[in-house]
Amino acid sequence: MKSFNIMQIKALARFKNKQLLKGEKGDALVCSLVKNIEDSIKTNCEECGIDCYYIDKYGDNKDLLKKNHKKICTNCALKNKDLDPEARKLLEKL
């Protein structure tokens, strides 16, 4: 199995996000439940309140997100009934 570095993972995530958003901007940023990268920023899920982590060191996601987007954990994201099936599969792996 091929291993990926963080830059490749971020590039793939941005590509997939743009593809899923179809030119629109997203309402929510999905945060990890595990602090697995040293540049992670701690926040609280705006739906359930649990600690979660995201990476936005350089503001990479500003062009993909609406101005007042919510930060939600992967568990709350998976509860969304309108979630794209491909996005659901990716989140379930996390």
N, C-alpha and C. Protein backbone atom coordinates (compact mmCIF):
# COMPACT_ATOMS: atom_id res chain seq x y z
N MET A 1 0.84 -1.18 0.00
CA MET A 1 0.00 0.00 0.00
C MET A 1 0.88 1.24 0.00
N LYS A 2 0.56 2.19 -0.84
CA LYS A 2 1.34 3.42 -0.95
C LYS A 2 1.05 4.34 0.23
N SER A 3 2.08 4.95 0.81
CA SER A 3 1.86 5.91 1.89
C SER A 3 1.87 7.32 1.30
N PHE A 4 1.11 8.20 1.93
CA PHE A 4 0.98 9.58 1.46
C PHE A 4 1.54 10.53 2.50
N ASN A 5 2.12 11.65 2.05
CA ASN A 5 2.53 12.67 3.01
C ASN A 5 1.36 13.64 3.21
N ILE A 6 1.48 14.53 4.18
CA ILE A 6 0.38 15.42 4.55
C ILE A 6 -0.01 16.35 3.40
N MET A 7 0.94 16.79 2.60
CA MET A 7 0.62 17.68 1.47
C MET A 7 -0.23 16.95 0.43
N GLN A 8 0.08 15.69 0.18
CA GLN A 8 -0.70 14.91 -0.78
C GLN A 8 -2.12 14.68 -0.27
N ILE A 9 -2.25 14.42 1.02
CA ILE A 9 -3.56 14.20 1.62
C ILE A 9 -4.40 15.47 1.55
N LYS A 10 -3.78 16.62 1.87
CA LYS A 10 -4.50 17.89 1.80
C LYS A 10 -4.93 18.20 0.37
N ALA A 11 -4.06 17.93 -0.59
CA ALA A 11 -4.38 18.19 -2.00
C ALA A 11 -5.55 17.30 -2.45
N LEU A 12 -5.52 16.05 -2.05
CA LEU A 12 -6.60 15.13 -2.40
C LEU A 12 -7.92 15.57 -1.74
N ALA A 13 -7.85 15.98 -0.48
CA ALA A 13 -9.05 16.43 0.23
C ALA A 13 -9.63 17.66 -0.44
N ARG A 14 -8.79 18.61 -0.82
CA ARG A 14 -9.28 19.83 -1.50
C ARG A 14 -9.93 19.47 -2.84
N PHE A 15 -9.31 18.58 -3.59
CA PHE A 15 -9.86 18.16 -4.87
C PHE A 15 -11.24 17.53 -4.68
N LYS A 16 -11.34 16.60 -3.71
CA LYS A 16 -12.60 15.92 -3.46
C LYS A 16 -13.67 16.90 -2.96
N ASN A 17 -13.27 17.83 -2.09
CA ASN A 17 -14.22 18.82 -1.59
C ASN A 17 -14.76 19.69 -2.71
N LYS A 18 -13.89 20.17 -3.59
CA LYS A 18 -14.33 20.98 -4.73
C LYS A 18 -15.27 20.18 -5.62
N GLN A 19 -14.96 18.92 -5.82
CA GLN A 19 -15.78 18.05 -6.66
C GLN A 19 -17.17 17.87 -6.02
N LEU A 20 -17.22 17.61 -4.73
CA LEU A 20 -18.49 17.39 -4.05
C LEU A 20 -19.31 18.66 -3.92
N LEU A 21 -18.66 19.81 -3.77
CA LEU A 21 -19.37 21.07 -3.62
C LEU A 21 -19.91 21.62 -4.94
N LYS A 22 -19.36 21.15 -6.05
CA LYS A 22 -19.82 21.54 -7.40
C LYS A 22 -19.88 23.05 -7.57
N GLY A 23 -18.82 23.75 -7.15
CA GLY A 23 -18.73 25.19 -7.34
C GLY A 23 -19.38 26.02 -6.24
N GLU A 24 -20.09 25.37 -5.33
CA GLU A 24 -20.72 26.08 -4.22
C GLU A 24 -19.73 26.15 -3.05
N LYS A 25 -20.13 26.78 -1.96
CA LYS A 25 -19.32 26.80 -0.75
C LYS A 25 -20.01 25.99 0.32
N GLY A 26 -19.22 25.33 1.16
CA GLY A 26 -19.75 24.43 2.18
C GLY A 26 -20.25 25.13 3.43
N ASP A 27 -21.23 24.52 4.09
CA ASP A 27 -21.80 25.04 5.33
C ASP A 27 -21.02 24.62 6.55
N ALA A 28 -20.22 23.56 6.44
CA ALA A 28 -19.57 23.00 7.62
C ALA A 28 -18.17 22.49 7.30
N LEU A 29 -17.29 22.61 8.28
CA LEU A 29 -15.95 22.03 8.21
C LEU A 29 -15.96 20.83 9.16
N VAL A 30 -15.67 19.66 8.63
CA VAL A 30 -15.67 18.45 9.46
C VAL A 30 -14.32 18.32 10.16
N CYS A 31 -14.37 18.18 11.47
CA CYS A 31 -13.16 18.11 12.29
C CYS A 31 -12.93 16.68 12.78
N SER A 32 -11.67 16.33 12.93
CA SER A 32 -11.29 15.00 13.39
C SER A 32 -11.48 14.88 14.90
N LEU A 33 -11.81 13.68 15.35
CA LEU A 33 -11.92 13.43 16.79
C LEU A 33 -10.56 13.16 17.41
N VAL A 34 -9.55 12.97 16.58
CA VAL A 34 -8.21 12.63 17.06
C VAL A 34 -7.23 13.71 16.62
N LYS A 35 -6.44 14.19 17.57
CA LYS A 35 -5.39 15.14 17.23
C LYS A 35 -4.21 14.34 16.69
N ASN A 36 -4.13 14.24 15.36
CA ASN A 36 -3.12 13.38 14.77
C ASN A 36 -2.04 14.14 14.01
N ILE A 37 -2.13 15.44 13.98
CA ILE A 37 -1.13 16.25 13.28
C ILE A 37 -0.77 17.42 14.18
N GLU A 38 0.49 17.76 14.28
CA GLU A 38 0.92 18.78 15.24
C GLU A 38 0.35 20.17 14.95
N ASP A 39 -0.08 20.44 13.72
CA ASP A 39 -0.65 21.74 13.39
C ASP A 39 -2.16 21.79 13.62
N SER A 40 -2.72 20.76 14.23
CA SER A 40 -4.16 20.71 14.47
C SER A 40 -4.58 21.82 15.43
N ILE A 41 -5.76 22.38 15.15
CA ILE A 41 -6.33 23.42 16.00
C ILE A 41 -7.52 22.81 16.73
N LYS A 42 -7.53 22.93 18.05
CA LYS A 42 -8.60 22.35 18.86
C LYS A 42 -9.82 23.27 18.83
N THR A 43 -10.98 22.68 18.68
CA THR A 43 -12.24 23.40 18.74
C THR A 43 -13.28 22.48 19.35
N ASN A 44 -14.51 22.93 19.42
CA ASN A 44 -15.61 22.10 19.91
C ASN A 44 -16.63 21.95 18.79
N CYS A 45 -17.15 20.75 18.65
CA CYS A 45 -18.21 20.50 17.66
C CYS A 45 -19.39 21.40 18.00
N GLU A 46 -19.90 22.11 17.02
CA GLU A 46 -21.00 23.04 17.25
C GLU A 46 -22.36 22.33 17.35
N GLU A 47 -22.36 21.01 17.18
CA GLU A 47 -23.62 20.28 17.33
C GLU A 47 -23.65 19.47 18.63
N CYS A 48 -22.57 18.76 18.95
CA CYS A 48 -22.60 17.93 20.16
C CYS A 48 -21.66 18.44 21.26
N GLY A 49 -20.76 19.36 20.94
CA GLY A 49 -19.89 19.97 21.95
C GLY A 49 -18.60 19.23 22.24
N ILE A 50 -18.36 18.07 21.64
CA ILE A 50 -17.16 17.28 21.89
C ILE A 50 -15.93 17.99 21.31
N ASP A 51 -14.76 17.76 21.91
CA ASP A 51 -13.51 18.31 21.37
C ASP A 51 -13.21 17.67 20.02
N CYS A 52 -12.81 18.49 19.06
CA CYS A 52 -12.38 17.97 17.76
C CYS A 52 -11.30 18.90 17.21
N TYR A 53 -10.64 18.47 16.16
CA TYR A 53 -9.46 19.15 15.65
C TYR A 53 -9.53 19.34 14.14
N TYR A 54 -9.04 20.47 13.67
CA TYR A 54 -8.98 20.73 12.24
C TYR A 54 -7.64 21.39 11.90
N ILE A 55 -7.32 21.42 10.64
CA ILE A 55 -6.08 22.05 10.18
C ILE A 55 -6.46 23.18 9.24
N ASP A 56 -6.02 24.36 9.55
CA ASP A 56 -6.25 25.51 8.68
C ASP A 56 -5.13 26.52 8.89
N LYS A 57 -3.93 26.01 8.99
CA LYS A 57 -2.77 26.84 9.31
C LYS A 57 -2.59 28.00 8.34
N TYR A 58 -2.88 27.76 7.08
CA TYR A 58 -2.66 28.79 6.07
C TYR A 58 -3.97 29.29 5.46
N GLY A 59 -5.10 28.99 6.08
CA GLY A 59 -6.39 29.42 5.56
C GLY A 59 -6.76 28.75 4.26
N ASP A 60 -6.29 27.51 4.08
CA ASP A 60 -6.49 26.78 2.82
C ASP A 60 -7.95 26.58 2.45
N ASN A 61 -8.84 26.59 3.43
CA ASN A 61 -10.23 26.23 3.16
C ASN A 61 -11.16 27.42 2.94
N LYS A 62 -10.64 28.65 3.00
CA LYS A 62 -11.51 29.83 2.90
C LYS A 62 -12.29 29.88 1.59
N ASP A 63 -11.71 29.43 0.51
CA ASP A 63 -12.43 29.47 -0.77
C ASP A 63 -13.49 28.39 -0.88
N LEU A 64 -13.48 27.41 0.03
CA LEU A 64 -14.44 26.30 -0.02
C LEU A 64 -15.57 26.45 0.98
N LEU A 65 -15.43 27.37 1.93
CA LEU A 65 -16.39 27.47 3.03
C LEU A 65 -17.15 28.79 3.04
N LYS A 66 -18.42 28.72 3.41
CA LYS A 66 -19.21 29.94 3.59
C LYS A 66 -18.64 30.71 4.77
N LYS A 67 -18.94 32.00 4.82
CA LYS A 67 -18.37 32.88 5.85
C LYS A 67 -18.64 32.40 7.28
N ASN A 68 -19.86 32.03 7.57
CA ASN A 68 -20.21 31.61 8.94
C ASN A 68 -20.41 30.10 9.02
N HIS A 69 -19.44 29.34 8.47
CA HIS A 69 -19.55 27.89 8.48
C HIS A 69 -19.45 27.34 9.91
N LYS A 70 -20.03 26.16 10.11
CA LYS A 70 -19.97 25.47 11.39
C LYS A 70 -18.80 24.50 11.38
N LYS A 71 -18.26 24.24 12.55
CA LYS A 71 -17.25 23.20 12.71
C LYS A 71 -17.94 22.05 13.43
N ILE A 72 -17.98 20.88 12.77
CA ILE A 72 -18.65 19.72 13.36
C ILE A 72 -17.73 18.52 13.33
N CYS A 73 -17.95 17.60 14.26
CA CYS A 73 -17.13 16.39 14.34
C CYS A 73 -17.59 15.37 13.29
N THR A 74 -16.79 14.36 13.07
CA THR A 74 -17.12 13.34 12.07
C THR A 74 -18.40 12.59 12.44
N ASN A 75 -18.64 12.37 13.73
CA ASN A 75 -19.87 11.67 14.14
C ASN A 75 -21.12 12.44 13.73
N CYS A 76 -21.12 13.75 13.97
CA CYS A 76 -22.27 14.58 13.62
C CYS A 76 -22.41 14.69 12.10
N ALA A 77 -21.29 14.73 11.39
CA ALA A 77 -21.34 14.79 9.93
C ALA A 77 -21.99 13.53 9.37
N LEU A 78 -21.68 12.39 9.95
CA LEU A 78 -22.24 11.12 9.48
C LEU A 78 -23.75 11.00 9.75
N LYS A 79 -24.25 11.77 10.71
CA LYS A 79 -25.69 11.74 11.01
C LYS A 79 -26.51 12.53 9.99
N ASN A 80 -25.84 13.33 9.16
CA ASN A 80 -26.53 14.15 8.16
C ASN A 80 -27.11 13.25 7.07
N LYS A 81 -28.41 13.30 6.90
CA LYS A 81 -29.09 12.44 5.93
C LYS A 81 -28.79 12.82 4.48
N ASP A 82 -28.42 14.08 4.25
CA ASP A 82 -28.15 14.57 2.89
C ASP A 82 -26.69 14.38 2.47
N LEU A 83 -25.91 13.73 3.29
CA LEU A 83 -24.49 13.55 3.00
C LEU A 83 -24.28 12.71 1.75
N ASP A 84 -23.43 13.19 0.87
CA ASP A 84 -23.11 12.48 -0.36
C ASP A 84 -22.57 11.09 -0.03
N PRO A 85 -23.01 10.03 -0.75
CA PRO A 85 -22.56 8.67 -0.44
C PRO A 85 -21.04 8.50 -0.48
N GLU A 86 -20.38 9.17 -1.41
CA GLU A 86 -18.92 9.07 -1.48
C GLU A 86 -18.26 9.72 -0.27
N ALA A 87 -18.79 10.88 0.14
CA ALA A 87 -18.27 11.55 1.34
C ALA A 87 -18.52 10.70 2.57
N ARG A 88 -19.68 10.05 2.63
CA ARG A 88 -20.00 9.17 3.76
C ARG A 88 -18.98 8.04 3.89
N LYS A 89 -18.62 7.42 2.76
CA LYS A 89 -17.64 6.33 2.78
C LYS A 89 -16.29 6.81 3.30
N LEU A 90 -15.88 8.02 2.87
CA LEU A 90 -14.60 8.56 3.33
C LEU A 90 -14.63 8.84 4.82
N LEU A 91 -15.71 9.44 5.31
CA LEU A 91 -15.82 9.76 6.73
C LEU A 91 -15.87 8.50 7.58
N GLU A 92 -16.52 7.47 7.10
CA GLU A 92 -16.61 6.23 7.87
C GLU A 92 -15.24 5.60 8.07
N LYS A 93 -14.30 5.86 7.17
CA LYS A 93 -12.94 5.33 7.31
C LYS A 93 -12.15 6.06 8.38
N LEU A 94 -12.56 7.30 8.69
CA LEU A 94 -11.88 8.08 9.71
C LEU A 94 -12.29 7.60 11.07
